Protein backbone atom coordinates (compact mmCIF):
# COMPACT_ATOMS: atom_id res chain seq x y z
CA MET A 1 42.39 -29.71 -59.59
CA ARG A 2 39.75 -27.25 -59.61
CA HIS A 3 36.95 -29.69 -58.66
CA VAL A 4 38.73 -29.37 -55.44
CA ALA A 5 38.73 -26.73 -55.45
CA SER A 6 35.73 -25.37 -56.14
CA ALA A 7 34.02 -27.61 -53.19
CA LEU A 8 37.15 -25.82 -51.05
CA VAL A 9 35.58 -22.88 -51.48
CA ARG A 10 32.39 -23.95 -51.78
CA ARG A 11 32.35 -25.67 -48.12
CA LEU A 12 34.83 -21.81 -46.74
CA LEU A 13 31.68 -20.21 -47.93
CA ILE A 14 29.04 -22.67 -46.25
CA ALA A 15 31.19 -22.48 -43.36
CA PHE A 16 30.97 -18.15 -43.91
CA ALA A 17 27.89 -18.26 -43.81
CA ALA A 18 26.77 -20.30 -41.37
CA ALA A 19 28.95 -18.10 -38.50
CA ALA A 20 27.73 -15.09 -39.82
CA ILE A 21 24.52 -15.92 -38.98
CA THR A 22 25.73 -18.18 -35.30
CA ALA A 23 27.05 -14.33 -34.59
CA MET A 24 23.64 -11.99 -34.89
CA PRO A 25 21.72 -12.94 -32.01
CA LEU A 26 25.01 -11.35 -30.25
CA LYS A 27 25.14 -8.37 -32.56
CA ALA A 28 22.58 -5.00 -30.39
CA GLU A 29 18.44 -6.14 -31.18
CA ASN A 30 16.41 -3.30 -32.96
CA TYR A 31 14.32 -3.44 -30.29
CA PRO A 32 12.76 -1.71 -30.35
CA SER A 33 11.27 -1.13 -33.31
CA ARG A 34 7.28 -0.38 -32.91
CA SER A 35 5.11 1.15 -31.09
CA ILE A 36 5.10 0.30 -26.93
CA THR A 37 1.87 0.39 -24.60
CA ILE A 38 1.74 1.13 -21.66
CA ILE A 39 -0.87 -0.78 -20.30
CA SER A 40 -2.90 0.62 -17.02
CA PRO A 41 -5.33 0.31 -14.40
CA HIS A 42 -6.52 2.84 -14.61
CA PRO A 43 -8.52 6.69 -15.16
CA VAL A 44 -6.40 9.25 -16.89
CA GLY A 45 -5.49 11.85 -14.55
CA VAL A 46 -4.30 9.87 -10.57
CA ALA A 47 -1.41 9.03 -9.88
CA THR A 48 -0.22 5.66 -11.93
CA ASP A 49 -0.86 7.59 -15.55
CA ILE A 50 0.40 11.35 -14.74
CA LEU A 51 3.00 8.50 -13.57
CA ALA A 52 3.14 6.52 -17.08
CA ARG A 53 2.88 9.24 -19.90
CA ALA A 54 4.98 10.49 -17.70
CA LEU A 55 7.40 8.02 -18.37
CA GLY A 56 6.58 7.24 -21.74
CA GLU A 57 7.44 10.81 -23.56
CA LYS A 58 11.41 9.28 -21.67
CA LEU A 59 10.87 6.01 -23.69
CA SER A 60 9.57 7.11 -26.33
CA ALA A 61 13.16 9.74 -26.82
CA ALA A 62 15.24 7.65 -25.77
CA PHE A 63 14.07 4.90 -27.92
CA GLY A 64 12.47 7.25 -31.32
CA GLN A 65 9.01 5.31 -31.37
CA SER A 66 5.53 6.01 -30.19
CA ILE A 67 5.17 4.92 -26.30
CA ILE A 68 1.20 4.45 -25.91
CA VAL A 69 -0.83 4.39 -22.64
CA GLU A 70 -3.98 2.97 -22.33
CA ASN A 71 -6.36 2.96 -19.64
CA ARG A 72 -8.23 -0.19 -18.75
CA PRO A 73 -9.62 1.25 -15.28
CA GLY A 74 -12.22 -1.26 -13.03
CA ALA A 75 -11.39 -4.71 -10.79
CA ASN A 76 -9.08 -2.90 -8.45
CA GLY A 77 -6.91 -3.53 -11.34
CA VAL A 78 -8.05 -6.81 -12.45
CA ILE A 79 -8.78 -5.45 -15.98
CA ALA A 80 -6.26 -3.93 -17.15
CA GLU A 81 -4.04 -7.27 -15.42
CA GLY A 82 -5.83 -10.06 -17.14
CA ALA A 83 -5.22 -7.90 -20.42
CA VAL A 84 -1.29 -7.67 -19.98
CA ALA A 85 -0.76 -11.71 -18.72
CA LYS A 86 -2.22 -13.11 -22.05
CA ALA A 87 -0.45 -10.44 -24.21
CA ALA A 88 2.37 -11.89 -26.08
CA PRO A 89 5.69 -12.22 -24.49
CA ASP A 90 7.17 -10.25 -27.00
CA GLY A 91 8.37 -6.59 -24.85
CA TYR A 92 5.70 -4.14 -26.36
CA THR A 93 3.12 -5.10 -24.04
CA LEU A 94 3.77 -3.54 -19.99
CA LEU A 95 1.83 -3.61 -17.14
CA ILE A 96 2.63 -0.06 -14.65
CA THR A 97 1.27 -1.65 -11.39
CA SER A 98 0.73 -0.56 -7.89
CA GLY A 99 -0.15 -2.17 -4.92
CA ALA A 100 -3.51 -4.12 -5.62
CA HIS A 101 -1.91 -6.17 -8.45
CA ILE A 102 -0.86 -8.35 -5.06
CA ALA A 103 -3.60 -8.11 -2.79
CA ASN A 104 -6.01 -8.95 -5.50
CA ALA A 105 -4.37 -12.52 -5.07
CA PHE A 106 -5.72 -12.42 -2.28
CA THR A 107 -8.92 -10.24 -2.09
CA VAL A 108 -10.02 -11.67 -5.57
CA LYS A 109 -12.15 -14.84 -6.66
CA LYS A 110 -10.90 -16.39 -8.90
CA LEU A 111 -8.78 -14.62 -10.10
CA PRO A 112 -7.75 -15.44 -14.11
CA TYR A 113 -4.47 -15.14 -13.45
CA ASP A 114 -1.91 -15.82 -11.24
CA ALA A 115 -0.29 -13.17 -9.62
CA LEU A 116 3.86 -13.42 -9.37
CA LYS A 117 4.09 -16.19 -12.24
CA ASP A 118 2.22 -14.65 -14.87
CA PHE A 119 4.08 -11.63 -15.00
CA ALA A 120 7.95 -11.03 -15.22
CA PRO A 121 9.17 -8.15 -13.00
CA VAL A 122 10.94 -4.81 -15.89
CA THR A 123 11.54 -2.45 -11.87
CA GLN A 124 9.87 -0.87 -9.09
CA LEU A 125 10.06 2.72 -10.57
CA ALA A 126 8.54 4.74 -7.74
CA ALA A 127 7.40 4.15 -4.00
CA SER A 128 4.64 6.38 -1.66
CA TYR A 129 4.18 7.94 0.97
CA GLY A 130 1.48 6.63 2.13
CA LEU A 131 -2.29 7.70 2.82
CA ALA A 132 -3.13 10.17 4.36
CA LEU A 133 -5.96 10.41 7.32
CA ILE A 134 -8.39 13.19 6.11
CA THR A 135 -11.85 13.74 7.92
CA ASN A 136 -13.46 17.15 8.69
CA LEU A 137 -15.05 15.39 12.78
CA PRO A 138 -14.59 17.29 15.74
CA VAL A 139 -10.80 16.44 16.63
CA ASN A 140 -7.54 17.67 15.43
CA SER A 141 -5.73 14.17 16.17
CA VAL A 142 -5.61 10.94 15.38
CA ALA A 143 -6.42 10.50 20.15
CA ASP A 144 -9.23 13.03 19.73
CA LEU A 145 -10.40 9.96 16.79
CA VAL A 146 -10.42 7.98 18.58
CA ALA A 147 -11.47 8.19 21.83
CA LEU A 148 -14.72 9.68 20.10
CA ALA A 149 -14.43 6.38 18.17
CA LYS A 150 -14.48 4.34 20.84
CA LYS A 151 -17.63 6.42 22.87
CA ARG A 152 -19.15 6.42 19.21
CA PRO A 153 -18.93 2.78 17.88
CA GLY A 154 -19.88 1.44 14.72
CA GLN A 155 -20.87 4.81 14.17
CA LEU A 156 -17.72 6.65 11.97
CA THR A 157 -17.81 5.73 8.64
CA PHE A 158 -14.53 5.75 6.30
CA ALA A 159 -15.08 6.19 2.28
CA THR A 160 -12.68 3.46 0.88
CA ASN A 161 -12.13 2.87 -2.88
CA GLY A 162 -13.34 -0.70 -2.91
CA VAL A 163 -13.39 -4.32 -1.02
CA GLY A 164 -9.24 -4.89 -0.97
CA ASN A 165 -7.79 -1.87 -2.13
CA VAL A 166 -4.98 0.34 -0.85
CA THR A 167 -8.15 2.25 1.30
CA HIS A 168 -10.63 -0.21 2.44
CA VAL A 169 -6.93 -2.30 3.80
CA ALA A 170 -5.52 0.92 5.56
CA GLY A 171 -9.50 1.36 7.79
CA LEU A 172 -9.74 -2.15 8.87
CA LEU A 173 -5.86 -1.69 9.55
CA PHE A 174 -6.47 1.51 11.78
CA ASP A 175 -10.04 -0.56 13.59
CA ALA A 176 -7.77 -3.50 14.55
CA ARG A 177 -4.37 -1.89 15.40
CA ALA A 178 -6.88 1.40 17.63
CA GLY A 179 -8.82 -0.92 18.24
CA VAL A 180 -11.99 0.66 17.14
CA ASN A 181 -15.37 -0.52 14.72
CA MET A 182 -16.13 2.27 12.20
CA ILE A 183 -17.90 1.12 8.63
CA ALA A 184 -16.01 1.85 5.43
CA VAL A 185 -18.44 3.28 2.31
CA PRO A 186 -17.19 1.48 -0.60
CA TYR A 187 -17.20 4.14 -4.08
CA ASN A 188 -16.48 3.98 -7.03
CA THR A 189 -16.68 7.41 -8.35
CA PRO A 190 -15.90 11.27 -7.80
CA ASN A 191 -17.63 11.95 -4.85
CA LEU A 192 -15.30 10.53 -2.64
CA ILE A 193 -13.20 13.24 -1.00
CA THR A 194 -16.64 15.88 -1.63
CA ASP A 195 -19.01 14.25 0.44
CA VAL A 196 -15.99 13.62 2.85
CA MET A 197 -15.42 17.26 3.08
CA THR A 198 -18.98 18.12 3.39
CA GLY A 199 -19.52 15.09 6.03
CA GLN A 200 -21.59 12.84 3.97
CA VAL A 201 -18.99 9.44 4.93
CA ASP A 202 -16.47 11.01 8.43
CA MET A 203 -13.09 9.69 7.18
CA ALA A 204 -11.01 8.19 4.89
CA PHE A 205 -7.57 6.75 4.27
CA TYR A 206 -6.92 8.68 0.74
CA SER A 207 -4.09 10.00 -1.47
CA VAL A 208 -0.89 12.51 0.20
CA ALA A 209 -0.96 13.67 -3.38
CA SER A 210 -4.77 14.56 -3.97
CA ALA A 211 -4.73 15.53 0.22
CA ALA A 212 -1.84 18.17 0.90
CA PRO A 213 -4.45 21.24 -1.44
CA LEU A 214 -7.06 20.96 0.22
CA VAL A 215 -5.17 20.26 3.82
CA LYS A 216 -3.31 23.91 2.58
CA ALA A 217 -6.87 25.52 2.16
CA GLY A 218 -8.22 24.80 4.78
CA LYS A 219 -10.62 22.14 3.97
CA ILE A 220 -10.11 19.28 5.49
CA LYS A 221 -8.06 17.72 7.76
CA ALA A 222 -5.10 15.15 7.98
CA LEU A 223 -4.11 13.53 11.04
CA ALA A 224 -1.62 10.83 10.00
CA LEU A 225 0.11 9.19 7.61
CA THR A 226 0.08 5.29 7.10
CA GLY A 227 3.49 5.42 5.24
CA SER A 228 6.84 4.78 7.49
CA ARG A 229 8.28 8.71 6.67
CA ARG A 230 7.38 12.12 6.65
CA SER A 231 6.15 13.78 2.79
CA PRO A 232 6.96 16.68 1.89
CA ALA A 233 3.80 17.85 0.54
CA LEU A 234 2.41 17.64 4.49
CA PRO A 235 4.97 18.03 6.45
CA GLU A 236 3.79 19.10 9.84
CA THR A 237 1.49 15.97 9.96
CA PRO A 238 2.66 12.95 11.52
CA THR A 239 2.88 8.96 10.85
CA LEU A 240 0.66 6.40 11.92
CA GLN A 241 4.06 4.66 13.19
CA GLU A 242 5.18 7.86 15.21
CA LEU A 243 1.96 8.07 16.68
CA GLY A 244 2.47 4.57 18.42
CA TYR A 245 0.94 2.22 15.64
CA LYS A 246 4.29 1.20 15.50
CA ASP A 247 3.01 -2.34 12.79
CA PHE A 248 0.75 -0.21 10.55
CA ASP A 249 3.00 0.73 6.87
CA VAL A 250 0.08 0.62 4.95
CA THR A 251 2.50 2.50 1.52
CA GLY A 252 1.89 2.13 -1.81
CA TYR A 253 4.19 1.79 -5.36
CA PHE A 254 4.53 1.50 -8.45
CA GLY A 255 6.44 -1.01 -11.15
CA LEU A 256 6.49 -2.01 -14.80
CA LEU A 257 5.10 -5.45 -15.62
CA PHE A 258 5.25 -7.60 -18.35
CA PRO A 259 3.76 -10.96 -19.07
CA ALA A 260 5.40 -13.91 -18.33
CA GLY A 261 8.07 -15.02 -20.87
CA THR A 262 9.90 -12.09 -21.64
CA PRO A 263 12.99 -11.90 -23.19
CA HIS A 264 15.71 -10.64 -20.44
CA GLY A 265 17.45 -8.25 -23.21
CA ARG A 266 13.81 -6.81 -23.75
CA ILE A 267 13.38 -6.56 -19.94
CA ASP A 268 17.00 -5.50 -19.38
CA ARG A 269 16.52 -2.63 -22.53
CA ILE A 270 13.02 -1.39 -20.26
CA TYR A 271 14.59 -1.97 -16.70
CA GLY A 272 18.04 0.54 -18.25
CA ALA A 273 15.82 3.22 -20.36
CA SER A 274 13.60 3.77 -16.92
CA LYS A 275 15.98 3.50 -15.02
CA ALA A 276 17.25 6.86 -16.46
CA ALA A 277 14.16 8.37 -17.03
CA LEU A 278 13.70 7.70 -12.72
CA ALA A 279 16.45 10.25 -12.46
CA SER A 280 15.08 13.58 -14.41
CA PRO A 281 14.21 16.62 -13.42
CA GLN A 282 11.24 15.74 -15.45
CA LEU A 283 9.96 12.80 -13.95
CA GLN A 284 11.79 13.29 -10.20
CA ARG A 285 8.68 16.49 -10.69
CA VAL A 286 5.83 14.97 -11.25
CA LEU A 287 6.67 11.82 -8.17
CA GLY A 288 7.50 14.79 -5.88
CA ILE A 289 3.74 16.13 -6.97
CA SER A 290 2.16 12.96 -6.97
CA GLY A 291 3.70 12.31 -3.58
CA MET A 292 5.35 9.54 -4.71
CA TYR A 293 9.73 9.13 -4.58
CA PRO A 294 12.12 6.77 -7.04
CA VAL A 295 13.53 4.02 -6.52
CA GLY A 296 14.37 2.96 -9.77
CA SER A 297 15.51 -1.14 -8.39
CA SER A 298 16.47 -3.80 -11.04
CA PRO A 299 14.23 -6.85 -12.48
CA GLU A 300 15.27 -9.58 -9.24
CA GLU A 301 15.71 -6.98 -6.90
CA PHE A 302 11.47 -6.14 -8.51
CA ALA A 303 11.08 -9.73 -8.12
CA ALA A 304 12.22 -10.45 -4.99
CA PHE A 305 9.65 -7.32 -3.26
CA LEU A 306 7.10 -9.19 -5.10
CA GLN A 307 7.56 -11.84 -3.73
CA ARG A 308 8.01 -9.93 0.11
CA ASP A 309 4.95 -7.90 -0.42
CA TYR A 310 3.61 -11.29 -1.67
CA GLN A 311 3.93 -13.13 2.16
CA TYR A 312 3.41 -9.33 3.47
CA GLN A 313 -0.08 -9.38 1.77
CA ASP A 314 -1.23 -12.65 2.39
CA ARG A 315 -0.71 -12.39 6.65
CA LEU A 316 -2.75 -8.80 6.12
CA MET A 317 -4.98 -9.70 3.99
CA GLY A 318 -5.75 -13.60 6.98
CA GLU A 319 -5.89 -11.07 9.78
CA LEU A 320 -8.25 -8.22 8.48
CA GLY A 321 -10.22 -11.74 7.55
CA LEU A 322 -10.25 -10.42 3.82
CA LYS A 323 -9.42 -13.58 2.34
CA VAL A 324 -10.68 -15.51 -0.17
CA LYS A 325 -11.89 -18.47 0.63
C-alpha cells in the first residue's frame, strides 16, 4: 500500500507542477523588464524628436524603466526604419515614424524592408495640421502667388527637404492643382528657412510649428496650410481646401511601430501607456507647440490607416511622377 500511496503522491505532485507551468503565461507578464529604445528618423530638436522624448518620459514613469531615444537621421527615414525592421521583435525597440514611412515605399529604389509587412503597428500618436506655404515674395494671397507663377513659368523656386519628402510632394501637388510650373530646390542643411526669409529661394512648404513664430514676428508670410483644418498657431491662415483646392490634403502623422512579430501583449502594453500619455497636459502642450493634435488610435486602427495611406501614396506618387521604376 505504501508503494501505491507513494506512486499516487508522485503523480499528484507531477500533475500540480504541470498545471503550475501551464498557468504561468496567464499571469501578468513582467514587461518591460529593461530599457526600451525609441529610434527616431530625424535629428534632435525637430517635432518627431520632441514628441519621442516627451512620450519617453511618460512611458518611463509608467513602467519604471528607462526609455532611450536614439536619433538616426538620414535618407528620409530609411536608415532608422531599416534598423527597426531588423531588430529583434521582443518589444524593446520602437520606431517613431512620420508620413515618409509609407511614401518611401514608392520613392526609394530597392527599399531594404517592406513598409507594411516588416512592422507591427502600435498607435498613431498624432496628426499635423499640414504645412504652411511661406514666402517673402511681393504677394499677399495664394491667388497672387498663382498669378505671379503663371507670369513667370519655370522661374519661381520652392525649397524642399529632399526628393519624395512631404515638403517636395506638397510643392509638386501645388504645381499640379494650380496649373503652374515651379522649380524644386532640395536642401539637406538648416539653411532652408533662412534662404526663404532672405529670398535666396522663393517659398517653401514648411512645418507650421516652425513657421508660426517667424510669421508672428513679421519675418515671413504664410499664405495657406496644406491640411484640412486651420491651425491654432496660425488661426488667420486659410487651408488650400478653403481656397478651392478641394483635392489637396498633405498632412503629416506620427506613430509607433515595432518590428513584425512582436508579441501582441507587448504591443497592447505600449499602446495603452501611450494613449494614457497623450491625455496628459504635458503631451497636449508638446503637440500644440509642434503643430499637431493627438489621435491615440488602436493597433488595429493604425494598421488600417497605414493600408489606406499606402493606397493614397501609390496614386499620388504616380500622379506626380515620383514613383520609382
